[in-house]
Amino acid sequence: MTHTKRNQLSRDKANGLKRIELKVEQDLFDMLNMKAKSANMIRSEYIQ
């Protein structure tokens, strides 16, 4: 685990956020990537 990832996990925990993993169709994945990019965000930020 990288130092940055560890910082993110600590920050998320402090903000009361929990991580989950889920599977989605390719179309939804692509749409989320596109919308995040157009909002100048990374996908995880956009979803949050």
N, C-alpha and C. Protein backbone atom coordinates (compact mmCIF):
# COMPACT_ATOMS: atom_id res chain seq x y z
N MET A 1 0.86 -1.18 0.00
CA MET A 1 0.00 0.00 0.00
C MET A 1 0.90 1.23 0.00
N THR A 2 0.62 2.14 -0.88
CA THR A 2 1.45 3.33 -0.97
C THR A 2 1.13 4.30 0.15
N HIS A 3 2.05 5.19 0.39
CA HIS A 3 1.86 6.21 1.42
C HIS A 3 0.62 7.05 1.13
N THR A 4 0.43 7.41 -0.14
CA THR A 4 -0.72 8.22 -0.53
C THR A 4 -2.03 7.47 -0.26
N LYS A 5 -2.06 6.19 -0.59
CA LYS A 5 -3.26 5.39 -0.36
C LYS A 5 -3.57 5.32 1.14
N ARG A 6 -2.55 5.17 1.95
CA ARG A 6 -2.71 5.11 3.40
C ARG A 6 -3.31 6.43 3.91
N ASN A 7 -2.81 7.55 3.38
CA ASN A 7 -3.35 8.86 3.76
C ASN A 7 -4.81 8.98 3.37
N GLN A 8 -5.14 8.50 2.18
CA GLN A 8 -6.53 8.57 1.71
C GLN A 8 -7.44 7.74 2.62
N LEU A 9 -7.00 6.54 2.98
CA LEU A 9 -7.80 5.68 3.86
C LEU A 9 -8.03 6.35 5.21
N SER A 10 -6.99 6.96 5.75
CA SER A 10 -7.12 7.66 7.04
C SER A 10 -8.07 8.85 6.93
N ARG A 11 -7.95 9.60 5.85
CA ARG A 11 -8.81 10.77 5.62
C ARG A 11 -10.27 10.32 5.47
N ASP A 12 -10.49 9.26 4.70
CA ASP A 12 -11.85 8.75 4.51
C ASP A 12 -12.44 8.29 5.84
N LYS A 13 -11.67 7.59 6.63
CA LYS A 13 -12.14 7.10 7.92
C LYS A 13 -12.52 8.28 8.82
N ALA A 14 -11.69 9.31 8.83
CA ALA A 14 -11.94 10.49 9.65
C ALA A 14 -13.23 11.21 9.20
N ASN A 15 -13.56 11.08 7.92
CA ASN A 15 -14.77 11.71 7.38
C ASN A 15 -15.98 10.78 7.44
N GLY A 16 -15.82 9.63 8.08
CA GLY A 16 -16.94 8.70 8.22
C GLY A 16 -17.28 7.94 6.95
N LEU A 17 -16.32 7.85 6.03
CA LEU A 17 -16.57 7.17 4.76
C LEU A 17 -16.09 5.73 4.83
N LYS A 18 -16.81 4.84 4.18
CA LYS A 18 -16.46 3.43 4.10
C LYS A 18 -16.25 3.07 2.64
N ARG A 19 -15.27 2.20 2.38
CA ARG A 19 -14.97 1.77 1.03
C ARG A 19 -15.79 0.53 0.69
N ILE A 20 -16.28 0.49 -0.54
CA ILE A 20 -16.95 -0.71 -1.03
C ILE A 20 -16.44 -1.01 -2.43
N GLU A 21 -16.59 -2.24 -2.83
CA GLU A 21 -16.24 -2.63 -4.20
C GLU A 21 -17.51 -3.15 -4.83
N LEU A 22 -17.75 -2.78 -6.07
CA LEU A 22 -18.92 -3.29 -6.76
C LEU A 22 -18.63 -3.47 -8.23
N LYS A 23 -19.44 -4.28 -8.86
CA LYS A 23 -19.28 -4.55 -10.29
C LYS A 23 -20.39 -3.84 -11.04
N VAL A 24 -20.02 -3.20 -12.14
CA VAL A 24 -20.99 -2.49 -12.98
C VAL A 24 -20.76 -2.88 -14.44
N GLU A 25 -21.77 -2.65 -15.25
CA GLU A 25 -21.66 -2.88 -16.68
C GLU A 25 -20.65 -1.91 -17.29
N GLN A 26 -20.02 -2.32 -18.38
CA GLN A 26 -19.01 -1.49 -19.05
C GLN A 26 -19.58 -0.13 -19.44
N ASP A 27 -20.83 -0.08 -19.91
CA ASP A 27 -21.44 1.19 -20.32
C ASP A 27 -21.50 2.18 -19.16
N LEU A 28 -21.90 1.71 -17.99
CA LEU A 28 -21.96 2.58 -16.81
C LEU A 28 -20.57 3.04 -16.41
N PHE A 29 -19.61 2.14 -16.44
CA PHE A 29 -18.22 2.46 -16.11
C PHE A 29 -17.70 3.56 -17.04
N ASP A 30 -17.94 3.38 -18.33
CA ASP A 30 -17.48 4.37 -19.32
C ASP A 30 -18.17 5.72 -19.11
N MET A 31 -19.48 5.70 -18.82
CA MET A 31 -20.22 6.94 -18.60
C MET A 31 -19.68 7.67 -17.37
N LEU A 32 -19.42 6.94 -16.29
CA LEU A 32 -18.88 7.57 -15.08
C LEU A 32 -17.52 8.19 -15.36
N ASN A 33 -16.67 7.48 -16.10
CA ASN A 33 -15.36 8.03 -16.47
C ASN A 33 -15.51 9.30 -17.28
N MET A 34 -16.41 9.29 -18.25
CA MET A 34 -16.61 10.44 -19.12
C MET A 34 -17.12 11.65 -18.33
N LYS A 35 -18.12 11.42 -17.49
CA LYS A 35 -18.69 12.52 -16.70
C LYS A 35 -17.68 13.06 -15.70
N ALA A 36 -16.90 12.18 -15.09
CA ALA A 36 -15.87 12.63 -14.15
C ALA A 36 -14.83 13.48 -14.88
N LYS A 37 -14.41 13.01 -16.05
CA LYS A 37 -13.41 13.76 -16.82
C LYS A 37 -13.94 15.13 -17.21
N SER A 38 -15.20 15.21 -17.63
CA SER A 38 -15.76 16.50 -18.03
C SER A 38 -15.93 17.44 -16.84
N ALA A 39 -16.00 16.88 -15.63
CA ALA A 39 -16.09 17.69 -14.41
C ALA A 39 -14.70 17.93 -13.80
N ASN A 40 -13.64 17.53 -14.53
CA ASN A 40 -12.26 17.66 -14.06
C ASN A 40 -12.06 16.98 -12.70
N MET A 41 -12.62 15.78 -12.59
CA MET A 41 -12.51 15.01 -11.35
C MET A 41 -12.06 13.59 -11.70
N ILE A 42 -11.62 12.88 -10.69
CA ILE A 42 -11.39 11.46 -10.89
C ILE A 42 -12.71 10.74 -10.60
N ARG A 43 -12.84 9.54 -11.12
CA ARG A 43 -14.10 8.82 -11.01
C ARG A 43 -14.58 8.68 -9.57
N SER A 44 -13.70 8.32 -8.67
CA SER A 44 -14.12 8.12 -7.27
C SER A 44 -14.64 9.41 -6.65
N GLU A 45 -14.03 10.54 -6.98
CA GLU A 45 -14.53 11.83 -6.48
C GLU A 45 -15.91 12.13 -7.06
N TYR A 46 -16.07 11.85 -8.35
CA TYR A 46 -17.35 12.11 -9.01
C TYR A 46 -18.47 11.28 -8.38
N ILE A 47 -18.20 10.01 -8.13
CA ILE A 47 -19.20 9.11 -7.55
C ILE A 47 -19.56 9.55 -6.14
N GLN A 48 -18.59 10.01 -5.41
CA GLN A 48 -18.81 10.41 -4.03
C GLN A 48 -19.70 11.62 -3.98
